[in-house]
């Protein structure tokens, strides 16, 4: 599955600091899957920047005019 493919898998996400000075992203999915991901604060900030950039790109895609359907025109 690619990053731009939709999925029917539902999951919960929690984000917070650990008692060891790390930032944990905790993902819990259907079927008992638990995935704790720990990052140092610098890595967590890089992830936050990537999330912001992806959100901005998604906004751009979501507001772009739809391409016309049908046969492509001649060039």
PDB file of N, CA and C in Angstrom:
ATOM      1  N   UNK A   1       0.856  -1.167   0.000  1.00  0.00           N
ATOM      2  CA  UNK A   1       0.000   0.000   0.000  1.00  0.00           C
ATOM      3  C   UNK A   1       0.907   1.236   0.000  1.00  0.00           C
ATOM      4  N   UNK A   2       0.607   2.182  -0.849  1.00  0.00           N
ATOM      5  CA  UNK A   2       1.363   3.418  -0.908  1.00  0.00           C
ATOM      6  C   UNK A   2       0.805   4.459   0.042  1.00  0.00           C
ATOM      7  N   UNK A   3       1.545   5.527   0.216  1.00  0.00           N
ATOM      8  CA  UNK A   3       1.136   6.561   1.155  1.00  0.00           C
ATOM      9  C   UNK A   3      -0.116   7.292   0.698  1.00  0.00           C
ATOM     10  N   UNK A   4      -0.405   7.289  -0.594  1.00  0.00           N
ATOM     11  CA  UNK A   4      -1.582   8.014  -1.084  1.00  0.00           C
ATOM     12  C   UNK A   4      -2.777   7.104  -1.357  1.00  0.00           C
ATOM     13  N   UNK A   5      -2.732   5.876  -0.876  1.00  0.00           N
ATOM     14  CA  UNK A   5      -3.847   4.940  -1.045  1.00  0.00           C
ATOM     15  C   UNK A   5      -4.711   4.952   0.208  1.00  0.00           C
ATOM     16  N   UNK A   6      -6.018   4.934   0.029  1.00  0.00           N
ATOM     17  CA  UNK A   6      -6.930   4.897   1.160  1.00  0.00           C
ATOM     18  C   UNK A   6      -6.937   3.514   1.794  1.00  0.00           C
ATOM     19  N   UNK A   7      -7.302   3.486   3.068  1.00  0.00           N
ATOM     20  CA  UNK A   7      -7.344   2.238   3.816  1.00  0.00           C
ATOM     21  C   UNK A   7      -8.604   2.209   4.669  1.00  0.00           C
ATOM     22  N   UNK A   8      -9.093   1.013   4.934  1.00  0.00           N
ATOM     23  CA  UNK A   8     -10.250   0.844   5.802  1.00  0.00           C
ATOM     24  C   UNK A   8      -9.841   0.555   7.243  1.00  0.00           C
ATOM     25  N   UNK A   9      -8.543   0.575   7.533  1.00  0.00           N
ATOM     26  CA  UNK A   9      -8.049   0.282   8.873  1.00  0.00           C
ATOM     27  C   UNK A   9      -8.248   1.508   9.757  1.00  0.00           C
ATOM     28  N   UNK A  10      -8.887   1.306  10.905  1.00  0.00           N
ATOM     29  CA  UNK A  10      -9.088   2.392  11.858  1.00  0.00           C
ATOM     30  C   UNK A  10      -8.029   2.305  12.947  1.00  0.00           C
ATOM     31  N   UNK A  11      -7.585   3.464  13.434  1.00  0.00           N
ATOM     32  CA  UNK A  11      -6.578   3.487  14.490  1.00  0.00           C
ATOM     33  C   UNK A  11      -6.762   4.729  15.343  1.00  0.00           C
ATOM     34  N   UNK A  12      -6.278   4.641  16.564  1.00  0.00           N
ATOM     35  CA  UNK A  12      -6.228   5.780  17.475  1.00  0.00           C
ATOM     36  C   UNK A  12      -4.776   6.196  17.628  1.00  0.00           C
ATOM     37  N   UNK A  13      -4.555   7.493  17.819  1.00  0.00           N
ATOM     38  CA  UNK A  13      -3.200   7.995  17.987  1.00  0.00           C
ATOM     39  C   UNK A  13      -3.159   8.896  19.219  1.00  0.00           C
ATOM     40  N   UNK A  14      -2.084   8.741  19.988  1.00  0.00           N
ATOM     41  CA  UNK A  14      -1.836   9.593  21.138  1.00  0.00           C
ATOM     42  C   UNK A  14      -0.409  10.095  21.018  1.00  0.00           C
ATOM     43  N   UNK A  15      -0.184  11.348  21.432  1.00  0.00           N
ATOM     44  CA  UNK A  15       1.148  11.934  21.357  1.00  0.00           C
ATOM     45  C   UNK A  15       1.435  12.606  22.686  1.00  0.00           C
ATOM     46  N   UNK A  16       2.617  12.354  23.235  1.00  0.00           N
ATOM     47  CA  UNK A  16       2.975  12.986  24.496  1.00  0.00           C
ATOM     48  C   UNK A  16       4.413  12.686  24.881  1.00  0.00           C
ATOM     49  N   UNK A  17       4.884  13.351  25.936  1.00  0.00           N
ATOM     50  CA  UNK A  17       6.257  13.122  26.403  1.00  0.00           C
ATOM     51  C   UNK A  17       6.344  11.850  27.247  1.00  0.00           C
ATOM     52  N   UNK A  18       7.506  11.222  27.229  1.00  0.00           N
ATOM     53  CA  UNK A  18       7.752  10.069  28.091  1.00  0.00           C
ATOM     54  C   UNK A  18       8.539  10.532  29.310  1.00  0.00           C
ATOM     55  N   UNK A  19       8.681   9.658  30.292  1.00  0.00           N
ATOM     56  CA  UNK A  19       9.449   9.998  31.486  1.00  0.00           C
ATOM     57  C   UNK A  19      10.953   9.927  31.245  1.00  0.00           C
ATOM     58  N   UNK A  20      11.359   9.624  30.000  1.00  0.00           N
ATOM     59  CA  UNK A  20      12.777   9.591  29.641  1.00  0.00           C
ATOM     60  C   UNK A  20      13.156  10.752  28.716  1.00  0.00           C
ATOM     61  N   UNK A  21      12.286  11.760  28.609  1.00  0.00           N
ATOM     62  CA  UNK A  21      12.594  12.925  27.794  1.00  0.00           C
ATOM     63  C   UNK A  21      12.409  12.720  26.303  1.00  0.00           C
ATOM     64  N   UNK A  22      11.645  11.725  25.932  1.00  0.00           N
ATOM     65  CA  UNK A  22      11.365  11.461  24.528  1.00  0.00           C
ATOM     66  C   UNK A  22       9.933  11.888  24.226  1.00  0.00           C
ATOM     67  N   UNK A  23       9.616  11.979  22.946  1.00  0.00           N
ATOM     68  CA  UNK A  23       8.245  12.238  22.515  1.00  0.00           C
ATOM     69  C   UNK A  23       7.726  10.928  21.946  1.00  0.00           C
ATOM     70  N   UNK A  24       6.592  10.471  22.476  1.00  0.00           N
ATOM     71  CA  UNK A  24       6.026   9.205  22.009  1.00  0.00           C
ATOM     72  C   UNK A  24       4.793   9.462  21.161  1.00  0.00           C
ATOM     73  N   UNK A  25       4.772   8.813  19.999  1.00  0.00           N
ATOM     74  CA  UNK A  25       3.577   8.713  19.182  1.00  0.00           C
ATOM     75  C   UNK A  25       3.117   7.276  19.356  1.00  0.00           C
ATOM     76  N   UNK A  26       1.938   7.120  19.933  1.00  0.00           N
ATOM     77  CA  UNK A  26       1.415   5.793  20.242  1.00  0.00           C
ATOM     78  C   UNK A  26       0.210   5.532  19.343  1.00  0.00           C
ATOM     79  N   UNK A  27       0.309   4.475  18.541  1.00  0.00           N
ATOM     80  CA  UNK A  27      -0.754   4.120  17.609  1.00  0.00           C
ATOM     81  C   UNK A  27      -1.347   2.783  18.055  1.00  0.00           C
ATOM     82  N   UNK A  28      -2.669   2.760  18.163  1.00  0.00           N
ATOM     83  CA  UNK A  28      -3.376   1.534  18.508  1.00  0.00           C
ATOM     84  C   UNK A  28      -4.401   1.275  17.407  1.00  0.00           C
ATOM     85  N   UNK A  29      -4.271   0.121  16.751  1.00  0.00           N
ATOM     86  CA  UNK A  29      -5.142  -0.207  15.627  1.00  0.00           C
ATOM     87  C   UNK A  29      -6.001  -1.419  15.953  1.00  0.00           C
ATOM     88  N   UNK A  30      -7.004  -1.616  15.100  1.00  0.00           N
ATOM     89  CA  UNK A  30      -7.877  -2.779  15.253  1.00  0.00           C
ATOM     90  C   UNK A  30      -7.056  -4.059  15.259  1.00  0.00           C
ATOM     91  N   UNK A  31      -7.559  -5.049  15.953  1.00  0.00           N
ATOM     92  CA  UNK A  31      -6.858  -6.329  15.989  1.00  0.00           C
ATOM     93  C   UNK A  31      -5.789  -6.397  17.062  1.00  0.00           C
ATOM     94  N   UNK A  32      -5.774  -5.445  17.986  1.00  0.00           N
ATOM     95  CA  UNK A  32      -4.813  -5.475  19.090  1.00  0.00           C
ATOM     96  C   UNK A  32      -3.418  -4.996  18.741  1.00  0.00           C
ATOM     97  N   UNK A  33      -3.279  -4.286  17.644  1.00  0.00           N
ATOM     98  CA  UNK A  33      -1.957  -3.780  17.257  1.00  0.00           C
ATOM     99  C   UNK A  33      -1.651  -2.522  18.063  1.00  0.00           C
ATOM    100  N   UNK A  34      -0.506  -2.517  18.760  1.00  0.00           N
ATOM    101  CA  UNK A  34      -0.048  -1.361  19.520  1.00  0.00           C
ATOM    102  C   UNK A  34       1.354  -1.013  19.039  1.00  0.00           C
ATOM    103  N   UNK A  35       1.560   0.244  18.688  1.00  0.00           N
ATOM    104  CA  UNK A  35       2.832   0.660  18.116  1.00  0.00           C
ATOM    105  C   UNK A  35       3.321   1.923  18.816  1.00  0.00           C
ATOM    106  N   UNK A  36       4.201   1.776  19.824  1.00  0.00           N
ATOM    107  CA  UNK A  36       4.772   2.959  20.462  1.00  0.00           C
ATOM    108  C   UNK A  36       6.025   3.398  19.690  1.00  0.00           C
ATOM    109  N   UNK A  37       6.049   4.649  19.266  1.00  0.00           N
ATOM    110  CA  UNK A  37       7.183   5.185  18.515  1.00  0.00           C
ATOM    111  C   UNK A  37       7.774   6.338  19.320  1.00  0.00           C
ATOM    112  N   UNK A  38       9.031   6.213  19.744  1.00  0.00           N
ATOM    113  CA  UNK A  38       9.685   7.241  20.547  1.00  0.00           C
ATOM    114  C   UNK A  38      10.701   8.007  19.709  1.00  0.00           C
ATOM    115  N   UNK A  39      10.695   9.339  19.878  1.00  0.00           N
ATOM    116  CA  UNK A  39      11.589  10.223  19.138  1.00  0.00           C
ATOM    117  C   UNK A  39      12.214  11.214  20.106  1.00  0.00           C
ATOM    118  N   UNK A  40      13.466  11.599  19.813  1.00  0.00           N
ATOM    119  CA  UNK A  40      14.025  12.667  20.631  1.00  0.00           C
ATOM    120  C   UNK A  40      13.336  13.970  20.213  1.00  0.00           C
ATOM    121  N   UNK A  41      13.400  15.007  21.043  1.00  0.00           N
ATOM    122  CA  UNK A  41      12.665  16.235  20.741  1.00  0.00           C
ATOM    123  C   UNK A  41      12.985  16.843  19.374  1.00  0.00           C
ATOM    124  N   UNK A  42      14.248  16.783  18.936  1.00  0.00           N
ATOM    125  CA  UNK A  42      14.595  17.334  17.620  1.00  0.00           C
ATOM    126  C   UNK A  42      13.911  16.560  16.496  1.00  0.00           C
ATOM    127  N   UNK A  43      13.900  15.231  16.616  1.00  0.00           N
ATOM    128  CA  UNK A  43      13.211  14.419  15.608  1.00  0.00           C
ATOM    129  C   UNK A  43      11.710  14.720  15.611  1.00  0.00           C
ATOM    130  N   UNK A  44      11.140  14.899  16.798  1.00  0.00           N
ATOM    131  CA  UNK A  44       9.713  15.193  16.899  1.00  0.00           C
ATOM    132  C   UNK A  44       9.381  16.521  16.217  1.00  0.00           C
ATOM    133  N   UNK A  45      10.259  17.512  16.362  1.00  0.00           N
ATOM    134  CA  UNK A  45      10.034  18.798  15.693  1.00  0.00           C
ATOM    135  C   UNK A  45      10.119  18.645  14.185  1.00  0.00           C
ATOM    136  N   UNK A  46      11.041  17.804  13.698  1.00  0.00           N
ATOM    137  CA  UNK A  46      11.131  17.557  12.257  1.00  0.00           C
ATOM    138  C   UNK A  46       9.848  16.891  11.750  1.00  0.00           C
ATOM    139  N   UNK A  47       9.314  15.942  12.518  1.00  0.00           N
ATOM    140  CA  UNK A  47       8.066  15.278  12.146  1.00  0.00           C
ATOM    141  C   UNK A  47       6.931  16.302  12.116  1.00  0.00           C
ATOM    142  N   UNK A  48       6.895  17.195  13.099  1.00  0.00           N
ATOM    143  CA  UNK A  48       5.851  18.231  13.141  1.00  0.00           C
ATOM    144  C   UNK A  48       5.935  19.118  11.900  1.00  0.00           C
ATOM    145  N   UNK A  49       7.145  19.478  11.483  1.00  0.00           N
ATOM    146  CA  UNK A  49       7.314  20.297  10.275  1.00  0.00           C
ATOM    147  C   UNK A  49       6.816  19.540   9.041  1.00  0.00           C
ATOM    148  N   UNK A  50       7.112  18.230   8.972  1.00  0.00           N
ATOM    149  CA  UNK A  50       6.645  17.431   7.834  1.00  0.00           C
ATOM    150  C   UNK A  50       5.126  17.337   7.832  1.00  0.00           C
ATOM    151  N   UNK A  51       4.518  17.208   9.009  1.00  0.00           N
ATOM    152  CA  UNK A  51       3.052  17.180   9.101  1.00  0.00           C
ATOM    153  C   UNK A  51       2.459  18.493   8.621  1.00  0.00           C
ATOM    154  N   UNK A  52       3.051  19.613   9.032  1.00  0.00           N
ATOM    155  CA  UNK A  52       2.548  20.920   8.585  1.00  0.00           C
ATOM    156  C   UNK A  52       2.660  21.062   7.071  1.00  0.00           C
ATOM    157  N   UNK A  53       3.794  20.646   6.512  1.00  0.00           N
ATOM    158  CA  UNK A  53       3.991  20.738   5.062  1.00  0.00           C
ATOM    159  C   UNK A  53       2.997  19.842   4.323  1.00  0.00           C
ATOM    160  N   UNK A  54       2.751  18.642   4.842  1.00  0.00           N
ATOM    161  CA  UNK A  54       1.794  17.732   4.209  1.00  0.00           C
ATOM    162  C   UNK A  54       0.377  18.300   4.298  1.00  0.00           C
ATOM    163  N   UNK A  55       0.043  18.923   5.433  1.00  0.00           N
ATOM    164  CA  UNK A  55      -1.288  19.528   5.582  1.00  0.00           C
ATOM    165  C   UNK A  55      -1.471  20.655   4.572  1.00  0.00           C
ATOM    166  N   UNK A  56      -0.453  21.466   4.390  1.00  0.00           N
ATOM    167  CA  UNK A  56      -0.543  22.563   3.416  1.00  0.00           C
ATOM    168  C   UNK A  56      -0.688  22.007   1.998  1.00  0.00           C
ATOM    169  N   UNK A  57       0.076  20.964   1.676  1.00  0.00           N
ATOM    170  CA  UNK A  57      -0.036  20.349   0.347  1.00  0.00           C
ATOM    171  C   UNK A  57      -1.422  19.753   0.147  1.00  0.00           C
ATOM    172  N   UNK A  58      -1.969  19.131   1.186  1.00  0.00           N
ATOM    173  CA  UNK A  58      -3.313  18.549   1.088  1.00  0.00           C
ATOM    174  C   UNK A  58      -4.359  19.631   0.871  1.00  0.00           C
ATOM    175  N   UNK A  59      -4.187  20.785   1.533  1.00  0.00           N
ATOM    176  CA  UNK A  59      -5.118  21.898   1.314  1.00  0.00           C
ATOM    177  C   UNK A  59      -5.076  22.352  -0.136  1.00  0.00           C
ATOM    178  N   UNK A  60      -3.894  22.423  -0.700  1.00  0.00           N
ATOM    179  CA  UNK A  60      -3.728  22.841  -2.094  1.00  0.00           C
ATOM    180  C   UNK A  60      -4.411  21.847  -3.030  1.00  0.00           C
ATOM    181  N   UNK A  61      -4.220  20.564  -2.769  1.00  0.00           N
ATOM    182  CA  UNK A  61      -4.839  19.534  -3.602  1.00  0.00           C
ATOM    183  C   UNK A  61      -6.351  19.591  -3.455  1.00  0.00           C
ATOM    184  N   UNK A  62      -6.825  19.791  -2.236  1.00  0.00           N
ATOM    185  CA  UNK A  62      -8.253  19.821  -1.979  1.00  0.00           C
ATOM    186  C   UNK A  62      -8.971  21.008  -2.587  1.00  0.00           C
ATOM    187  N   UNK A  63      -8.247  22.090  -2.877  1.00  0.00           N
ATOM    188  CA  UNK A  63      -8.877  23.276  -3.453  1.00  0.00           C
ATOM    189  C   UNK A  63      -8.564  23.457  -4.930  1.00  0.00           C
ATOM    190  N   UNK A  64      -7.768  22.543  -5.500  1.00  0.00           N
ATOM    191  CA  UNK A  64      -7.440  22.651  -6.923  1.00  0.00           C
ATOM    192  C   UNK A  64      -8.684  22.347  -7.750  1.00  0.00           C
ATOM    193  N   UNK A  65      -8.870  23.056  -8.873  1.00  0.00           N
ATOM    194  CA  UNK A  65     -10.026  22.764  -9.724  1.00  0.00           C
ATOM    195  C   UNK A  65      -9.935  21.349 -10.281  1.00  0.00           C
ATOM    196  N   UNK A  66     -11.066  20.707 -10.398  1.00  0.00           N
ATOM    197  CA  UNK A  66     -11.091  19.324 -10.914  1.00  0.00           C
ATOM    198  C   UNK A  66     -10.725  19.324 -12.394  1.00  0.00           C
ATOM    199  N   UNK A  67     -10.005  18.302 -12.776  1.00  0.00           N
ATOM    200  CA  UNK A  67      -9.641  18.147 -14.192  1.00  0.00           C
ATOM    201  C   UNK A  67     -10.872  17.735 -14.965  1.00  0.00           C
ATOM    202  N   UNK A  68     -11.023  18.246 -16.205  1.00  0.00           N
ATOM    203  CA  UNK A  68     -12.185  17.855 -17.004  1.00  0.00           C
ATOM    204  C   UNK A  68     -12.136  16.374 -17.322  1.00  0.00           C
ATOM    205  N   UNK A  69     -13.294  15.743 -17.335  1.00  0.00           N
ATOM    206  CA  UNK A  69     -13.373  14.327 -17.648  1.00  0.00           C
ATOM    207  C   UNK A  69     -13.679  14.165 -19.134  1.00  0.00           C
ATOM    208  N   UNK A  70     -13.356  12.999 -19.621  1.00  0.00           N
ATOM    209  CA  UNK A  70     -13.622  12.725 -21.027  1.00  0.00           C
ATOM    210  C   UNK A  70     -12.333  12.564 -21.797  1.00  0.00           C
ATOM    211  N   UNK A  71     -12.445  12.642 -23.105  1.00  0.00           N
ATOM    212  CA  UNK A  71     -11.282  12.475 -23.961  1.00  0.00           C
ATOM    213  C   UNK A  71     -10.376  13.700 -23.863  1.00  0.00           C
ATOM    214  N   UNK A  72      -9.065  13.457 -23.851  1.00  0.00           N
ATOM    215  CA  UNK A  72      -8.156  14.595 -23.854  1.00  0.00           C
ATOM    216  C   UNK A  72      -8.202  15.318 -25.200  1.00  0.00           C
ATOM    217  N   UNK A  73      -7.991  16.619 -25.165  1.00  0.00           N
ATOM    218  CA  UNK A  73      -8.029  17.413 -26.398  1.00  0.00           C
ATOM    219  C   UNK A  73      -6.794  17.183 -27.255  1.00  0.00           C
ATOM    220  N   UNK A  74      -6.875  17.566 -28.513  1.00  0.00           N
ATOM    221  CA  UNK A  74      -5.731  17.453 -29.412  1.00  0.00           C
ATOM    222  C   UNK A  74      -4.741  18.558 -29.139  1.00  0.00           C
ATOM    223  N   UNK A  75      -3.493  18.248 -29.419  1.00  0.00           N
ATOM    224  CA  UNK A  75      -2.451  19.261 -29.270  1.00  0.00           C
ATOM    225  C   UNK A  75      -1.781  19.523 -30.563  1.00  0.00           C
TER     226      UNK A  75
END
